[in-house]
C-alpha atoms as a PDB file:
ATOM      1  CA  UNK A   1      -0.125  -0.072  -0.035  1.00  0.00           C
ATOM      2  CA  UNK A   2       1.228   3.380  -0.789  1.00  0.00           C
ATOM      3  CA  UNK A   3       0.921   5.530   2.056  1.00  0.00           C
ATOM      4  CA  UNK A   4       0.926   8.822   0.195  1.00  0.00           C
ATOM      5  CA  UNK A   5       3.824  10.154   2.196  1.00  0.00           C
ATOM      6  CA  UNK A   6       5.995  10.856  -0.500  1.00  0.00           C
ATOM      7  CA  UNK A   7       8.153  14.114   0.006  1.00  0.00           C
ATOM      8  CA  UNK A   8       6.133  14.971   3.325  1.00  0.00           C
ATOM      9  CA  UNK A   9       8.474  16.447   5.835  1.00  0.00           C
ATOM     10  CA  UNK A  10       7.873  15.101   9.284  1.00  0.00           C
ATOM     11  CA  UNK A  11       9.609  16.277  12.447  1.00  0.00           C
ATOM     12  CA  UNK A  12      10.593  13.088  14.853  1.00  0.00           C
ATOM     13  CA  UNK A  13      11.759  13.894  18.267  1.00  0.00           C
ATOM     14  CA  UNK A  14      14.215  11.497  19.455  1.00  0.00           C
ATOM     15  CA  UNK A  15      14.514  10.242  16.011  1.00  0.00           C
ATOM     16  CA  UNK A  16      17.974   8.881  16.198  1.00  0.00           C
ATOM     17  CA  UNK A  17      17.757   5.798  18.417  1.00  0.00           C
ATOM     18  CA  UNK A  18      15.177   3.211  19.328  1.00  0.00           C
ATOM     19  CA  UNK A  19      11.364   3.706  18.568  1.00  0.00           C
ATOM     20  CA  UNK A  20      12.296   7.039  16.971  1.00  0.00           C
ATOM     21  CA  UNK A  21      14.833   5.848  14.717  1.00  0.00           C
ATOM     22  CA  UNK A  22      12.578   3.044  13.794  1.00  0.00           C
ATOM     23  CA  UNK A  23       9.954   5.735  12.816  1.00  0.00           C
ATOM     24  CA  UNK A  24      12.458   7.768  11.006  1.00  0.00           C
ATOM     25  CA  UNK A  25      13.529   4.672   8.779  1.00  0.00           C
ATOM     26  CA  UNK A  26      10.269   3.678   7.871  1.00  0.00           C
ATOM     27  CA  UNK A  27       9.271   7.368   7.176  1.00  0.00           C
ATOM     28  CA  UNK A  28      12.075   7.143   4.768  1.00  0.00           C
ATOM     29  CA  UNK A  29      11.359   4.092   3.080  1.00  0.00           C
ATOM     30  CA  UNK A  30       7.800   5.745   2.186  1.00  0.00           C
ATOM     31  CA  UNK A  31       9.393   8.229   0.601  1.00  0.00           C
ATOM     32  CA  UNK A  32       9.079  11.031   3.338  1.00  0.00           C
ATOM     33  CA  UNK A  33      11.782  13.204   4.709  1.00  0.00           C
ATOM     34  CA  UNK A  34      12.012  12.630   8.474  1.00  0.00           C
ATOM     35  CA  UNK A  35      13.770  15.404  10.309  1.00  0.00           C
ATOM     36  CA  UNK A  36      15.487  14.134  13.285  1.00  0.00           C
ATOM     37  CA  UNK A  37      15.250  16.145  16.266  1.00  0.00           C
ATOM     38  CA  UNK A  38      17.739  15.195  19.283  1.00  0.00           C
ATOM     39  CA  UNK A  39      20.342  16.399  21.649  1.00  0.00           C
ATOM     40  CA  UNK A  40      23.243  14.385  20.289  1.00  0.00           C
ATOM     41  CA  UNK A  41      24.809  15.691  17.116  1.00  0.00           C
ATOM     42  CA  UNK A  42      26.865  12.423  16.443  1.00  0.00           C
ATOM     43  CA  UNK A  43      23.774  10.050  16.995  1.00  0.00           C
ATOM     44  CA  UNK A  44      21.726  12.379  14.565  1.00  0.00           C
ATOM     45  CA  UNK A  45      24.302  12.130  11.874  1.00  0.00           C
ATOM     46  CA  UNK A  46      24.691   8.438  12.323  1.00  0.00           C
ATOM     47  CA  UNK A  47      20.843   7.908  11.805  1.00  0.00           C
ATOM     48  CA  UNK A  48      20.823  10.188   8.845  1.00  0.00           C
ATOM     49  CA  UNK A  49      23.609   8.441   6.972  1.00  0.00           C
ATOM     50  CA  UNK A  50      22.121   4.989   7.773  1.00  0.00           C
ATOM     51  CA  UNK A  51      19.055   6.227   6.128  1.00  0.00           C
ATOM     52  CA  UNK A  52      20.736   7.684   3.312  1.00  0.00           C
ATOM     53  CA  UNK A  53      22.839   4.470   2.731  1.00  0.00           C
ATOM     54  CA  UNK A  54      19.653   2.692   1.722  1.00  0.00           C
ATOM     55  CA  UNK A  55      18.474   5.324  -0.546  1.00  0.00           C
ATOM     56  CA  UNK A  56      16.351   7.354   1.764  1.00  0.00           C
ATOM     57  CA  UNK A  57      16.209  10.943   2.691  1.00  0.00           C
ATOM     58  CA  UNK A  58      16.785  12.639   6.075  1.00  0.00           C
ATOM     59  CA  UNK A  59      17.762  15.642   7.685  1.00  0.00           C
ATOM     60  CA  UNK A  60      18.654  16.446  11.597  1.00  0.00           C
ATOM     61  CA  UNK A  61      18.494  19.190  13.905  1.00  0.00           C
ATOM     62  CA  UNK A  62      20.586  19.030  17.240  1.00  0.00           C
ATOM     63  CA  UNK A  63      18.031  20.268  19.747  1.00  0.00           C
ATOM     64  CA  UNK A  64      17.916  20.220  23.589  1.00  0.00           C
ATOM     65  CA  UNK A  65      14.221  19.456  23.917  1.00  0.00           C
ATOM     66  CA  UNK A  66      14.314  20.619  27.445  1.00  0.00           C
ATOM     67  CA  UNK A  67      14.895  24.260  26.340  1.00  0.00           C
ATOM     68  CA  UNK A  68      12.034  26.127  24.905  1.00  0.00           C
ATOM     69  CA  UNK A  69      14.012  28.134  22.392  1.00  0.00           C
ATOM     70  CA  UNK A  70      15.592  25.241  21.145  1.00  0.00           C
ATOM     71  CA  UNK A  71      12.276  23.561  20.135  1.00  0.00           C
ATOM     72  CA  UNK A  72      11.479  26.824  18.493  1.00  0.00           C
ATOM     73  CA  UNK A  73      14.725  26.843  16.623  1.00  0.00           C
ATOM     74  CA  UNK A  74      14.310  23.193  15.405  1.00  0.00           C
ATOM     75  CA  UNK A  75      10.977  24.110  13.926  1.00  0.00           C
ATOM     76  CA  UNK A  76      12.364  27.237  12.304  1.00  0.00           C
ATOM     77  CA  UNK A  77      15.385  25.589  11.032  1.00  0.00           C
ATOM     78  CA  UNK A  78      13.243  22.867   9.237  1.00  0.00           C
ATOM     79  CA  UNK A  79      11.080  25.561   7.606  1.00  0.00           C
ATOM     80  CA  UNK A  80      14.149  27.454   6.435  1.00  0.00           C
ATOM     81  CA  UNK A  81      15.473  24.140   5.006  1.00  0.00           C
ATOM     82  CA  UNK A  82      12.263  22.772   3.350  1.00  0.00           C
ATOM     83  CA  UNK A  83       9.814  25.563   3.355  1.00  0.00           C
ATOM     84  CA  UNK A  84       7.119  23.234   4.971  1.00  0.00           C
ATOM     85  CA  UNK A  85       6.229  20.797   7.643  1.00  0.00           C
ATOM     86  CA  UNK A  86       3.631  18.034   6.896  1.00  0.00           C
ATOM     87  CA  UNK A  87       4.015  15.969  10.347  1.00  0.00           C
ATOM     88  CA  UNK A  88       5.084  15.709  13.873  1.00  0.00           C
ATOM     89  CA  UNK A  89       5.894  12.806  15.801  1.00  0.00           C
ATOM     90  CA  UNK A  90       6.463  13.541  19.433  1.00  0.00           C
ATOM     91  CA  UNK A  91       8.457  10.594  20.867  1.00  0.00           C
ATOM     92  CA  UNK A  92      11.292  11.763  22.920  1.00  0.00           C
ATOM     93  CA  UNK A  93      11.354  10.786  26.644  1.00  0.00           C
ATOM     94  CA  UNK A  94      12.728   8.376  29.363  1.00  0.00           C
ATOM     95  CA  UNK A  95      11.416   6.742  32.372  1.00  0.00           C
ATOM     96  CA  UNK A  96      13.602   8.220  34.950  1.00  0.00           C
ATOM     97  CA  UNK A  97      11.987   6.607  38.017  1.00  0.00           C
ATOM     98  CA  UNK A  98      10.864   9.749  40.055  1.00  0.00           C
ATOM     99  CA  UNK A  99       8.376   7.999  42.509  1.00  0.00           C
ATOM    100  CA  UNK A 100       6.248   9.275  45.168  1.00  0.00           C
ATOM    101  CA  UNK A 101       8.105   7.875  48.258  1.00  0.00           C
ATOM    102  CA  UNK A 102      11.387   8.808  47.541  1.00  0.00           C
ATOM    103  CA  UNK A 103      10.994  11.752  44.998  1.00  0.00           C
ATOM    104  CA  UNK A 104      10.676  15.437  45.532  1.00  0.00           C
ATOM    105  CA  UNK A 105       8.624  18.329  43.743  1.00  0.00           C
ATOM    106  CA  UNK A 106      11.808  19.509  42.016  1.00  0.00           C
ATOM    107  CA  UNK A 107      12.580  16.370  40.435  1.00  0.00           C
ATOM    108  CA  UNK A 108       8.905  15.633  39.594  1.00  0.00           C
ATOM    109  CA  UNK A 109       8.806  18.787  37.709  1.00  0.00           C
ATOM    110  CA  UNK A 110      11.992  18.113  35.759  1.00  0.00           C
ATOM    111  CA  UNK A 111      10.718  15.027  34.857  1.00  0.00           C
ATOM    112  CA  UNK A 112       7.567  16.455  33.406  1.00  0.00           C
ATOM    113  CA  UNK A 113       9.966  19.100  31.521  1.00  0.00           C
ATOM    114  CA  UNK A 114      11.828  16.176  29.949  1.00  0.00           C
ATOM    115  CA  UNK A 115       8.807  13.838  29.118  1.00  0.00           C
ATOM    116  CA  UNK A 116       5.762  16.118  28.396  1.00  0.00           C
ATOM    117  CA  UNK A 117       6.436  19.705  28.031  1.00  0.00           C
ATOM    118  CA  UNK A 118       8.194  19.444  24.790  1.00  0.00           C
ATOM    119  CA  UNK A 119       5.320  17.504  23.191  1.00  0.00           C
ATOM    120  CA  UNK A 120       3.296  20.857  23.725  1.00  0.00           C
ATOM    121  CA  UNK A 121       6.048  22.941  22.403  1.00  0.00           C
ATOM    122  CA  UNK A 122       6.981  21.156  19.499  1.00  0.00           C
ATOM    123  CA  UNK A 123       3.374  21.059  18.564  1.00  0.00           C
ATOM    124  CA  UNK A 124       2.928  24.934  19.411  1.00  0.00           C
ATOM    125  CA  UNK A 125       5.903  25.827  17.128  1.00  0.00           C
ATOM    126  CA  UNK A 126       4.871  23.606  14.375  1.00  0.00           C
ATOM    127  CA  UNK A 127       1.246  24.391  14.339  1.00  0.00           C
ATOM    128  CA  UNK A 128       1.315  27.070  11.810  1.00  0.00           C
ATOM    129  CA  UNK A 129       2.960  24.959   9.006  1.00  0.00           C
ATOM    130  CA  UNK A 130       0.548  22.236  10.138  1.00  0.00           C
ATOM    131  CA  UNK A 131      -2.228  24.388   9.551  1.00  0.00           C
ATOM    132  CA  UNK A 132      -0.937  25.154   6.071  1.00  0.00           C
ATOM    133  CA  UNK A 133      -0.349  21.518   5.081  1.00  0.00           C
ATOM    134  CA  UNK A 134      -3.347  20.128   6.892  1.00  0.00           C
ATOM    135  CA  UNK A 135      -0.652  17.720   8.446  1.00  0.00           C
ATOM    136  CA  UNK A 136      -0.846  15.230  11.408  1.00  0.00           C
ATOM    137  CA  UNK A 137       0.634  14.753  14.762  1.00  0.00           C
ATOM    138  CA  UNK A 138       1.205  11.267  16.486  1.00  0.00           C
ATOM    139  CA  UNK A 139       2.230  11.340  20.131  1.00  0.00           C
ATOM    140  CA  UNK A 140       4.066   8.445  21.224  1.00  0.00           C
ATOM    141  CA  UNK A 141       2.990   7.105  24.739  1.00  0.00           C
ATOM    142  CA  UNK A 142       3.319   4.382  27.476  1.00  0.00           C
ATOM    143  CA  UNK A 143       0.910   1.876  28.915  1.00  0.00           C
ATOM    144  CA  UNK A 144       2.196   3.259  32.284  1.00  0.00           C
ATOM    145  CA  UNK A 145      -0.344   6.018  31.926  1.00  0.00           C
ATOM    146  CA  UNK A 146      -3.165   3.406  32.021  1.00  0.00           C
ATOM    147  CA  UNK A 147      -1.469   0.331  34.037  1.00  0.00           C
ATOM    148  CA  UNK A 148       0.635   2.121  36.543  1.00  0.00           C
ATOM    149  CA  UNK A 149       3.940   0.580  37.175  1.00  0.00           C
ATOM    150  CA  UNK A 150       5.091   1.625  40.600  1.00  0.00           C
ATOM    151  CA  UNK A 151       8.040   3.903  41.138  1.00  0.00           C
ATOM    152  CA  UNK A 152       7.556   6.090  38.355  1.00  0.00           C
ATOM    153  CA  UNK A 153       5.016   8.879  39.335  1.00  0.00           C
ATOM    154  CA  UNK A 154       6.248  11.555  36.975  1.00  0.00           C
ATOM    155  CA  UNK A 155       6.722   9.434  34.040  1.00  0.00           C
ATOM    156  CA  UNK A 156       3.249   7.821  34.549  1.00  0.00           C
ATOM    157  CA  UNK A 157       1.937  11.722  34.841  1.00  0.00           C
ATOM    158  CA  UNK A 158       3.793  12.540  31.890  1.00  0.00           C
ATOM    159  CA  UNK A 159       2.107  10.005  29.586  1.00  0.00           C
ATOM    160  CA  UNK A 160      -1.200  10.714  31.180  1.00  0.00           C
ATOM    161  CA  UNK A 161      -0.686  14.049  29.917  1.00  0.00           C
ATOM    162  CA  UNK A 162       0.401  12.888  26.401  1.00  0.00           C
ATOM    163  CA  UNK A 163      -2.958  10.972  26.095  1.00  0.00           C
ATOM    164  CA  UNK A 164      -5.005  13.955  27.356  1.00  0.00           C
ATOM    165  CA  UNK A 165      -3.239  16.265  24.966  1.00  0.00           C
ATOM    166  CA  UNK A 166      -3.856  13.748  22.098  1.00  0.00           C
ATOM    167  CA  UNK A 167      -7.529  14.133  22.424  1.00  0.00           C
ATOM    168  CA  UNK A 168      -7.726  17.774  23.388  1.00  0.00           C
ATOM    169  CA  UNK A 169      -5.535  18.692  20.319  1.00  0.00           C
ATOM    170  CA  UNK A 170      -7.865  16.560  18.148  1.00  0.00           C
ATOM    171  CA  UNK A 171     -10.827  18.516  19.223  1.00  0.00           C
ATOM    172  CA  UNK A 172      -8.964  21.894  18.945  1.00  0.00           C
ATOM    173  CA  UNK A 173      -7.441  21.316  15.406  1.00  0.00           C
ATOM    174  CA  UNK A 174     -10.180  19.480  13.741  1.00  0.00           C
ATOM    175  CA  UNK A 175     -11.431  22.757  12.387  1.00  0.00           C
ATOM    176  CA  UNK A 176      -8.074  22.784  10.568  1.00  0.00           C
ATOM    177  CA  UNK A 177      -8.203  19.450   9.273  1.00  0.00           C
ATOM    178  CA  UNK A 178      -5.105  18.524  11.308  1.00  0.00           C
ATOM    179  CA  UNK A 179      -5.469  14.928  12.972  1.00  0.00           C
ATOM    180  CA  UNK A 180      -4.012  13.945  16.273  1.00  0.00           C
ATOM    181  CA  UNK A 181      -3.552  10.490  17.454  1.00  0.00           C
ATOM    182  CA  UNK A 182      -1.159   8.550  19.760  1.00  0.00           C
ATOM    183  CA  UNK A 183       0.517   5.061  19.711  1.00  0.00           C
ATOM    184  CA  UNK A 184       0.760   3.490  22.955  1.00  0.00           C
ATOM    185  CA  UNK A 185       3.919   1.278  23.648  1.00  0.00           C
ATOM    186  CA  UNK A 186       4.000  -1.386  26.292  1.00  0.00           C
ATOM    187  CA  UNK A 187       7.009  -3.808  25.921  1.00  0.00           C
ATOM    188  CA  UNK A 188       9.089  -2.891  22.926  1.00  0.00           C
ATOM    189  CA  UNK A 189      12.434  -4.061  22.316  1.00  0.00           C
ATOM    190  CA  UNK A 190      15.104  -1.228  21.969  1.00  0.00           C
ATOM    191  CA  UNK A 191      18.754  -0.757  22.779  1.00  0.00           C
ATOM    192  CA  UNK A 192      17.671   1.049  25.775  1.00  0.00           C
ATOM    193  CA  UNK A 193      15.505  -1.833  26.968  1.00  0.00           C
ATOM    194  CA  UNK A 194      18.363  -4.134  26.406  1.00  0.00           C
ATOM    195  CA  UNK A 195      20.682  -2.018  28.503  1.00  0.00           C
ATOM    196  CA  UNK A 196      18.365  -1.935  31.390  1.00  0.00           C
ATOM    197  CA  UNK A 197      17.858  -5.725  31.099  1.00  0.00           C
ATOM    198  CA  UNK A 198      21.387  -6.400  31.423  1.00  0.00           C
ATOM    199  CA  UNK A 199      21.539  -4.649  35.075  1.00  0.00           C
ATOM    200  CA  UNK A 200      19.160  -7.377  36.444  1.00  0.00           C
ATOM    201  CA  UNK A 201      20.430 -10.287  38.018  1.00  0.00           C
ATOM    202  CA  UNK A 202      19.139 -13.027  35.669  1.00  0.00           C
ATOM    203  CA  UNK A 203      18.310 -11.112  32.268  1.00  0.00           C
ATOM    204  CA  UNK A 204      17.358 -14.130  30.439  1.00  0.00           C
ATOM    205  CA  UNK A 205      14.780 -15.349  32.945  1.00  0.00           C
ATOM    206  CA  UNK A 206      13.605 -11.853  33.411  1.00  0.00           C
ATOM    207  CA  UNK A 207      12.980 -11.338  29.704  1.00  0.00           C
ATOM    208  CA  UNK A 208      11.045 -14.780  29.487  1.00  0.00           C
ATOM    209  CA  UNK A 209       8.736 -13.704  32.328  1.00  0.00           C
ATOM    210  CA  UNK A 210       8.092 -10.469  30.608  1.00  0.00           C
ATOM    211  CA  UNK A 211       7.379 -11.824  27.303  1.00  0.00           C
ATOM    212  CA  UNK A 212       5.171 -14.720  28.904  1.00  0.00           C
ATOM    213  CA  UNK A 213       2.748 -11.990  29.868  1.00  0.00           C
ATOM    214  CA  UNK A 214       2.184 -10.572  26.278  1.00  0.00           C
ATOM    215  CA  UNK A 215      -0.797 -12.378  24.955  1.00  0.00           C
ATOM    216  CA  UNK A 216       0.112 -12.314  21.287  1.00  0.00           C
ATOM    217  CA  UNK A 217       2.863 -14.693  20.304  1.00  0.00           C
ATOM    218  CA  UNK A 218       4.688 -13.993  23.787  1.00  0.00           C
ATOM    219  CA  UNK A 219       7.035 -11.586  22.358  1.00  0.00           C
ATOM    220  CA  UNK A 220       7.947  -7.947  22.691  1.00  0.00           C
ATOM    221  CA  UNK A 221       6.749  -5.350  19.961  1.00  0.00           C
ATOM    222  CA  UNK A 222       9.360  -4.238  17.681  1.00  0.00           C
ATOM    223  CA  UNK A 223      10.320  -0.846  16.771  1.00  0.00           C
ATOM    224  CA  UNK A 224       9.379  -1.326  13.275  1.00  0.00           C
ATOM    225  CA  UNK A 225       5.984  -2.448  14.317  1.00  0.00           C
ATOM    226  CA  UNK A 226       5.409   0.528  16.285  1.00  0.00           C
ATOM    227  CA  UNK A 227       6.938   2.714  13.269  1.00  0.00           C
ATOM    228  CA  UNK A 228       4.645   1.221  10.721  1.00  0.00           C
ATOM    229  CA  UNK A 229       1.462   2.256  12.875  1.00  0.00           C
ATOM    230  CA  UNK A 230       3.070   5.728  13.255  1.00  0.00           C
ATOM    231  CA  UNK A 231       3.425   6.146   9.533  1.00  0.00           C
ATOM    232  CA  UNK A 232      -0.109   4.931   8.815  1.00  0.00           C
ATOM    233  CA  UNK A 233      -1.475   7.585  11.270  1.00  0.00           C
ATOM    234  CA  UNK A 234       0.560  10.168   9.753  1.00  0.00           C
ATOM    235  CA  UNK A 235      -0.758   9.286   6.339  1.00  0.00           C
ATOM    236  CA  UNK A 236      -4.022  10.180   4.393  1.00  0.00           C
ATOM    237  CA  UNK A 237      -4.750   6.384   4.267  1.00  0.00           C
ATOM    238  CA  UNK A 238      -5.823   6.943   7.901  1.00  0.00           C
ATOM    239  CA  UNK A 239      -7.727  10.251   6.762  1.00  0.00           C
ATOM    240  CA  UNK A 240     -10.818   9.864   9.139  1.00  0.00           C
ATOM    241  CA  UNK A 241      -8.960   8.832  12.472  1.00  0.00           C
ATOM    242  CA  UNK A 242      -8.300  11.406  15.125  1.00  0.00           C
ATOM    243  CA  UNK A 243      -8.176  11.407  18.788  1.00  0.00           C
ATOM    244  CA  UNK A 244      -7.319   7.622  19.134  1.00  0.00           C
ATOM    245  CA  UNK A 245      -4.776   6.081  21.566  1.00  0.00           C
ATOM    246  CA  UNK A 246      -3.725   3.143  19.463  1.00  0.00           C
ATOM    247  CA  UNK A 247      -2.099   0.372  21.405  1.00  0.00           C
ATOM    248  CA  UNK A 248       0.559  -1.414  19.650  1.00  0.00           C
ATOM    249  CA  UNK A 249       1.415  -3.848  22.402  1.00  0.00           C
ATOM    250  CA  UNK A 250       0.478  -7.680  21.491  1.00  0.00           C
ATOM    251  CA  UNK A 251      -2.764  -7.141  23.685  1.00  0.00           C
ATOM    252  CA  UNK A 252      -0.594  -6.380  26.703  1.00  0.00           C
ATOM    253  CA  UNK A 253      -3.070  -3.612  28.113  1.00  0.00           C
ATOM    254  CA  UNK A 254      -6.439  -4.767  27.374  1.00  0.00           C
ATOM    255  CA  UNK A 255      -6.614  -8.410  27.174  1.00  0.00           C
ATOM    256  CA  UNK A 256      -7.674 -11.094  29.750  1.00  0.00           C
ATOM    257  CA  UNK A 257      -4.721 -11.638  32.070  1.00  0.00           C
ATOM    258  CA  UNK A 258      -5.816 -15.381  32.185  1.00  0.00           C
ATOM    259  CA  UNK A 259      -4.141 -15.679  28.627  1.00  0.00           C
ATOM    260  CA  UNK A 260      -0.796 -14.575  30.162  1.00  0.00           C
ATOM    261  CA  UNK A 261      -0.070 -17.319  32.560  1.00  0.00           C
ATOM    262  CA  UNK A 262       3.517 -18.626  32.319  1.00  0.00           C
ATOM    263  CA  UNK A 263       4.203 -21.330  29.999  1.00  0.00           C
END
């Protein structure tokens, strides 16, 4: 299926690694031009080169998403380079473990800054161009907003905010024919996940236990599977879909727990 993304310029925050890189690669394969927005210039450059090596197009802007003016400059630089923006993928963030029992207000607010506020700022600064192009926004979120996890109050709050903003923006921006959706991730295999798993006492057994609780095929979601759904939601092929929280999680969040017994 041709998704109709040829030559579309799409901002992808955190687009150099993990899920963001998967999104950038899938968009490029569809003929779009992902603009990778991330703090590490070396990682950004490597991601662009990897896409160009297989015949795709990409560009990058070194951006500290914690800084409002950096977010503004990333959007302005993209418009200067391409003259347009047709999509935004808000993806960057990290589960930083700011909890209720041992956390404090300062760390809680700092976590919201790095996990939620730049979602708003990137959308705000990109909005004039998205109005012109009747573009689309996809917010990447986490199951933690719905299931809880324990020990991660700030990240849970940030993801609850992402879900709420998705539906709020879908209402506010419908008059401009801008669609806004979210892709909700549960257990997705990324380099960051692998790094965390290596810190636990028995990584192989821990991974087996996690995967046993994922109803569909008892495996983790791949970055490409997340990216494919993001690309679809950005595309005109999903032209009457807005305000949706699409769970790409092998049924982890919503299917009956009785199907997840260890085997």
